[in-house]
C-alpha atoms as a PDB file:
ATOM      1  CA  UNK A   1      61.877-135.081-175.991  1.00  0.00           C
ATOM      2  CA  UNK A   2      61.773-136.909-179.278  1.00  0.00           C
ATOM      3  CA  UNK A   3      60.471-135.496-182.545  1.00  0.00           C
ATOM      4  CA  UNK A   4      60.211-137.029-186.002  1.00  0.00           C
ATOM      5  CA  UNK A   5      63.451-137.127-187.977  1.00  0.00           C
ATOM      6  CA  UNK A   6      62.013-135.254-190.964  1.00  0.00           C
ATOM      7  CA  UNK A   7      60.687-132.521-188.696  1.00  0.00           C
ATOM      8  CA  UNK A   8      63.999-132.285-186.843  1.00  0.00           C
ATOM      9  CA  UNK A   9      65.871-131.906-190.146  1.00  0.00           C
ATOM     10  CA  UNK A  10      63.551-129.040-191.095  1.00  0.00           C
ATOM     11  CA  UNK A  11      64.118-127.303-187.768  1.00  0.00           C
ATOM     12  CA  UNK A  12      67.871-127.688-187.899  1.00  0.00           C
ATOM     13  CA  UNK A  13      67.935-126.433-191.462  1.00  0.00           C
ATOM     14  CA  UNK A  14      66.102-123.297-190.295  1.00  0.00           C
ATOM     15  CA  UNK A  15      63.252-123.930-192.712  1.00  0.00           C
ATOM     16  CA  UNK A  16      60.480-124.376-190.161  1.00  0.00           C
ATOM     17  CA  UNK A  17      60.231-120.925-188.632  1.00  0.00           C
ATOM     18  CA  UNK A  18      59.681-118.945-191.835  1.00  0.00           C
ATOM     19  CA  UNK A  19      56.660-120.981-193.025  1.00  0.00           C
ATOM     20  CA  UNK A  20      55.055-120.659-189.597  1.00  0.00           C
ATOM     21  CA  UNK A  21      54.807-116.917-190.021  1.00  0.00           C
ATOM     22  CA  UNK A  22      53.083-117.166-193.395  1.00  0.00           C
ATOM     23  CA  UNK A  23      49.438-117.771-194.127  1.00  0.00           C
ATOM     24  CA  UNK A  24      48.522-121.324-195.100  1.00  0.00           C
ATOM     25  CA  UNK A  25      48.470-121.843-198.870  1.00  0.00           C
ATOM     26  CA  UNK A  26      45.127-122.574-200.525  1.00  0.00           C
ATOM     27  CA  UNK A  27      44.127-126.187-199.988  1.00  0.00           C
ATOM     28  CA  UNK A  28      46.406-126.629-196.971  1.00  0.00           C
ATOM     29  CA  UNK A  29      45.146-128.611-193.991  1.00  0.00           C
ATOM     30  CA  UNK A  30      43.515-126.454-191.346  1.00  0.00           C
ATOM     31  CA  UNK A  31      41.983-126.936-187.914  1.00  0.00           C
ATOM     32  CA  UNK A  32      39.393-124.955-186.010  1.00  0.00           C
ATOM     33  CA  UNK A  33      40.783-122.310-183.653  1.00  0.00           C
ATOM     34  CA  UNK A  34      39.362-124.293-180.703  1.00  0.00           C
ATOM     35  CA  UNK A  35      41.736-127.170-181.537  1.00  0.00           C
ATOM     36  CA  UNK A  36      44.748-124.849-181.549  1.00  0.00           C
ATOM     37  CA  UNK A  37      43.604-123.415-178.198  1.00  0.00           C
ATOM     38  CA  UNK A  38      43.351-126.948-176.785  1.00  0.00           C
ATOM     39  CA  UNK A  39      46.916-127.617-177.944  1.00  0.00           C
ATOM     40  CA  UNK A  40      48.141-124.386-176.329  1.00  0.00           C
ATOM     41  CA  UNK A  41      46.443-125.360-173.055  1.00  0.00           C
ATOM     42  CA  UNK A  42      48.185-128.752-173.032  1.00  0.00           C
ATOM     43  CA  UNK A  43      51.576-127.090-173.536  1.00  0.00           C
ATOM     44  CA  UNK A  44      50.874-124.434-170.873  1.00  0.00           C
ATOM     45  CA  UNK A  45      49.694-127.035-168.369  1.00  0.00           C
ATOM     46  CA  UNK A  46      52.742-129.214-168.964  1.00  0.00           C
ATOM     47  CA  UNK A  47      55.075-126.235-168.631  1.00  0.00           C
ATOM     48  CA  UNK A  48      53.377-125.195-165.372  1.00  0.00           C
ATOM     49  CA  UNK A  49      53.787-128.743-164.024  1.00  0.00           C
ATOM     50  CA  UNK A  50      57.457-128.756-165.025  1.00  0.00           C
ATOM     51  CA  UNK A  51      58.090-125.416-163.333  1.00  0.00           C
ATOM     52  CA  UNK A  52      56.367-126.763-160.189  1.00  0.00           C
ATOM     53  CA  UNK A  53      58.582-129.864-160.315  1.00  0.00           C
ATOM     54  CA  UNK A  54      55.602-132.189-160.723  1.00  0.00           C
ATOM     55  CA  UNK A  55      57.024-134.826-163.046  1.00  0.00           C
ATOM     56  CA  UNK A  56      53.998-137.117-162.861  1.00  0.00           C
ATOM     57  CA  UNK A  57      51.621-134.352-163.918  1.00  0.00           C
ATOM     58  CA  UNK A  58      54.018-133.155-166.635  1.00  0.00           C
ATOM     59  CA  UNK A  59      54.292-136.679-168.055  1.00  0.00           C
ATOM     60  CA  UNK A  60      50.497-136.953-168.209  1.00  0.00           C
ATOM     61  CA  UNK A  61      50.541-134.407-171.067  1.00  0.00           C
ATOM     62  CA  UNK A  62      52.927-136.550-173.147  1.00  0.00           C
ATOM     63  CA  UNK A  63      52.013-139.335-175.568  1.00  0.00           C
ATOM     64  CA  UNK A  64      52.271-142.920-174.304  1.00  0.00           C
ATOM     65  CA  UNK A  65      55.357-143.416-176.502  1.00  0.00           C
ATOM     66  CA  UNK A  66      57.107-140.403-174.978  1.00  0.00           C
ATOM     67  CA  UNK A  67      56.185-141.477-171.443  1.00  0.00           C
ATOM     68  CA  UNK A  68      57.566-144.933-172.183  1.00  0.00           C
ATOM     69  CA  UNK A  69      60.827-143.439-173.351  1.00  0.00           C
ATOM     70  CA  UNK A  70      61.526-141.955-169.908  1.00  0.00           C
ATOM     71  CA  UNK A  71      59.774-144.450-167.659  1.00  0.00           C
ATOM     72  CA  UNK A  72      59.553-142.436-164.457  1.00  0.00           C
ATOM     73  CA  UNK A  73      58.607-138.856-163.573  1.00  0.00           C
ATOM     74  CA  UNK A  74      62.077-138.402-162.068  1.00  0.00           C
ATOM     75  CA  UNK A  75      63.753-139.372-165.350  1.00  0.00           C
ATOM     76  CA  UNK A  76      61.422-137.055-167.254  1.00  0.00           C
ATOM     77  CA  UNK A  77      62.197-134.092-164.969  1.00  0.00           C
ATOM     78  CA  UNK A  78      65.927-134.817-165.156  1.00  0.00           C
ATOM     79  CA  UNK A  79      65.774-134.800-168.953  1.00  0.00           C
ATOM     80  CA  UNK A  80      63.907-131.478-168.979  1.00  0.00           C
ATOM     81  CA  UNK A  81      66.289-129.855-166.485  1.00  0.00           C
ATOM     82  CA  UNK A  82      69.349-131.059-168.412  1.00  0.00           C
ATOM     83  CA  UNK A  83      68.227-130.444-171.992  1.00  0.00           C
ATOM     84  CA  UNK A  84      65.247-128.095-171.862  1.00  0.00           C
ATOM     85  CA  UNK A  85      66.022-125.702-169.008  1.00  0.00           C
ATOM     86  CA  UNK A  86      64.852-122.820-171.214  1.00  0.00           C
ATOM     87  CA  UNK A  87      61.278-124.082-170.762  1.00  0.00           C
ATOM     88  CA  UNK A  88      61.683-123.623-167.019  1.00  0.00           C
ATOM     89  CA  UNK A  89      63.699-120.406-167.086  1.00  0.00           C
ATOM     90  CA  UNK A  90      61.792-118.326-169.643  1.00  0.00           C
ATOM     91  CA  UNK A  91      60.725-114.944-168.272  1.00  0.00           C
ATOM     92  CA  UNK A  92      58.107-114.591-171.012  1.00  0.00           C
ATOM     93  CA  UNK A  93      56.402-116.863-173.524  1.00  0.00           C
ATOM     94  CA  UNK A  94      54.152-116.406-176.528  1.00  0.00           C
ATOM     95  CA  UNK A  95      52.504-118.943-178.778  1.00  0.00           C
ATOM     96  CA  UNK A  96      53.204-118.489-182.458  1.00  0.00           C
ATOM     97  CA  UNK A  97      50.969-119.710-185.259  1.00  0.00           C
ATOM     98  CA  UNK A  98      50.706-123.489-185.375  1.00  0.00           C
ATOM     99  CA  UNK A  99      51.241-125.385-188.592  1.00  0.00           C
ATOM    100  CA  UNK A 100      51.036-128.728-190.360  1.00  0.00           C
ATOM    101  CA  UNK A 101      54.493-129.871-191.438  1.00  0.00           C
ATOM    102  CA  UNK A 102      54.927-133.144-193.313  1.00  0.00           C
ATOM    103  CA  UNK A 103      51.669-134.424-191.821  1.00  0.00           C
ATOM    104  CA  UNK A 104      52.558-133.450-188.242  1.00  0.00           C
ATOM    105  CA  UNK A 105      50.789-130.853-186.121  1.00  0.00           C
ATOM    106  CA  UNK A 106      53.398-128.412-184.858  1.00  0.00           C
ATOM    107  CA  UNK A 107      52.904-125.678-182.256  1.00  0.00           C
ATOM    108  CA  UNK A 108      55.760-123.221-181.653  1.00  0.00           C
ATOM    109  CA  UNK A 109      56.197-121.357-178.374  1.00  0.00           C
ATOM    110  CA  UNK A 110      58.523-118.338-178.243  1.00  0.00           C
ATOM    111  CA  UNK A 111      60.651-118.276-175.097  1.00  0.00           C
ATOM    112  CA  UNK A 112      62.397-115.146-173.834  1.00  0.00           C
ATOM    113  CA  UNK A 113      65.087-116.040-171.319  1.00  0.00           C
ATOM    114  CA  UNK A 114      66.277-113.819-168.453  1.00  0.00           C
ATOM    115  CA  UNK A 115      69.325-112.738-170.513  1.00  0.00           C
ATOM    116  CA  UNK A 116      66.969-111.764-173.407  1.00  0.00           C
ATOM    117  CA  UNK A 117      67.995-114.733-175.530  1.00  0.00           C
ATOM    118  CA  UNK A 118      65.040-115.787-177.668  1.00  0.00           C
ATOM    119  CA  UNK A 119      64.389-119.439-178.491  1.00  0.00           C
ATOM    120  CA  UNK A 120      61.434-121.240-179.991  1.00  0.00           C
ATOM    121  CA  UNK A 121      60.190-124.488-178.479  1.00  0.00           C
ATOM    122  CA  UNK A 122      58.658-126.411-181.361  1.00  0.00           C
ATOM    123  CA  UNK A 123      56.172-128.978-180.107  1.00  0.00           C
ATOM    124  CA  UNK A 124      54.986-131.927-182.153  1.00  0.00           C
ATOM    125  CA  UNK A 125      51.435-132.756-181.111  1.00  0.00           C
ATOM    126  CA  UNK A 126      49.325-135.896-181.541  1.00  0.00           C
ATOM    127  CA  UNK A 127      45.582-136.203-181.113  1.00  0.00           C
ATOM    128  CA  UNK A 128      44.725-139.321-179.130  1.00  0.00           C
ATOM    129  CA  UNK A 129      41.841-141.706-179.808  1.00  0.00           C
ATOM    130  CA  UNK A 130      39.928-140.111-176.924  1.00  0.00           C
ATOM    131  CA  UNK A 131      40.167-136.711-178.658  1.00  0.00           C
ATOM    132  CA  UNK A 132      42.750-135.198-176.319  1.00  0.00           C
ATOM    133  CA  UNK A 133      45.966-133.637-177.578  1.00  0.00           C
ATOM    134  CA  UNK A 134      49.291-134.926-176.233  1.00  0.00           C
ATOM    135  CA  UNK A 135      52.869-133.788-176.704  1.00  0.00           C
ATOM    136  CA  UNK A 136      54.860-136.187-178.891  1.00  0.00           C
ATOM    137  CA  UNK A 137      58.123-134.256-178.842  1.00  0.00           C
ATOM    138  CA  UNK A 138      59.811-130.902-178.628  1.00  0.00           C
ATOM    139  CA  UNK A 139      62.934-129.277-179.992  1.00  0.00           C
ATOM    140  CA  UNK A 140      64.439-125.930-179.065  1.00  0.00           C
ATOM    141  CA  UNK A 141      65.549-123.733-181.958  1.00  0.00           C
ATOM    142  CA  UNK A 142      67.166-120.304-182.092  1.00  0.00           C
ATOM    143  CA  UNK A 143      65.007-117.393-183.130  1.00  0.00           C
ATOM    144  CA  UNK A 144      65.809-114.422-185.334  1.00  0.00           C
ATOM    145  CA  UNK A 145      63.585-112.242-183.121  1.00  0.00           C
ATOM    146  CA  UNK A 146      65.283-109.920-180.644  1.00  0.00           C
ATOM    147  CA  UNK A 147      63.862-109.504-177.138  1.00  0.00           C
ATOM    148  CA  UNK A 148      62.934-106.008-176.009  1.00  0.00           C
END
């Protein structure tokens, strides 16, 4: 899944996860809690579709640009299985606090894998003209949290 280059640089530099745990500074962009819940629902529904092997349904939660990148549900599922298996294999998940980073809406999801490895799936979200949220990209990043 593709994500903006600036955002990817932040993730790889390890600078994204610390700000997510902090309160927003005064004057920072905010959204109503209902919007964050809507974003979480989109991510949960896509993950459920991926686990069920329903590529068409999973693709429906992605932006048109992301869908165009993969073309078919089969290609989309193949990409997820090859590069994002942690989304399918996680034994537990928990949404972390969403944030605005360089103008992008970002929603992290903590993943605890069967071997207790902890990763964070960092979703870039885009609100569509019809008001619905869609997934524009995702990267997996290591976490400093230990599973219990």
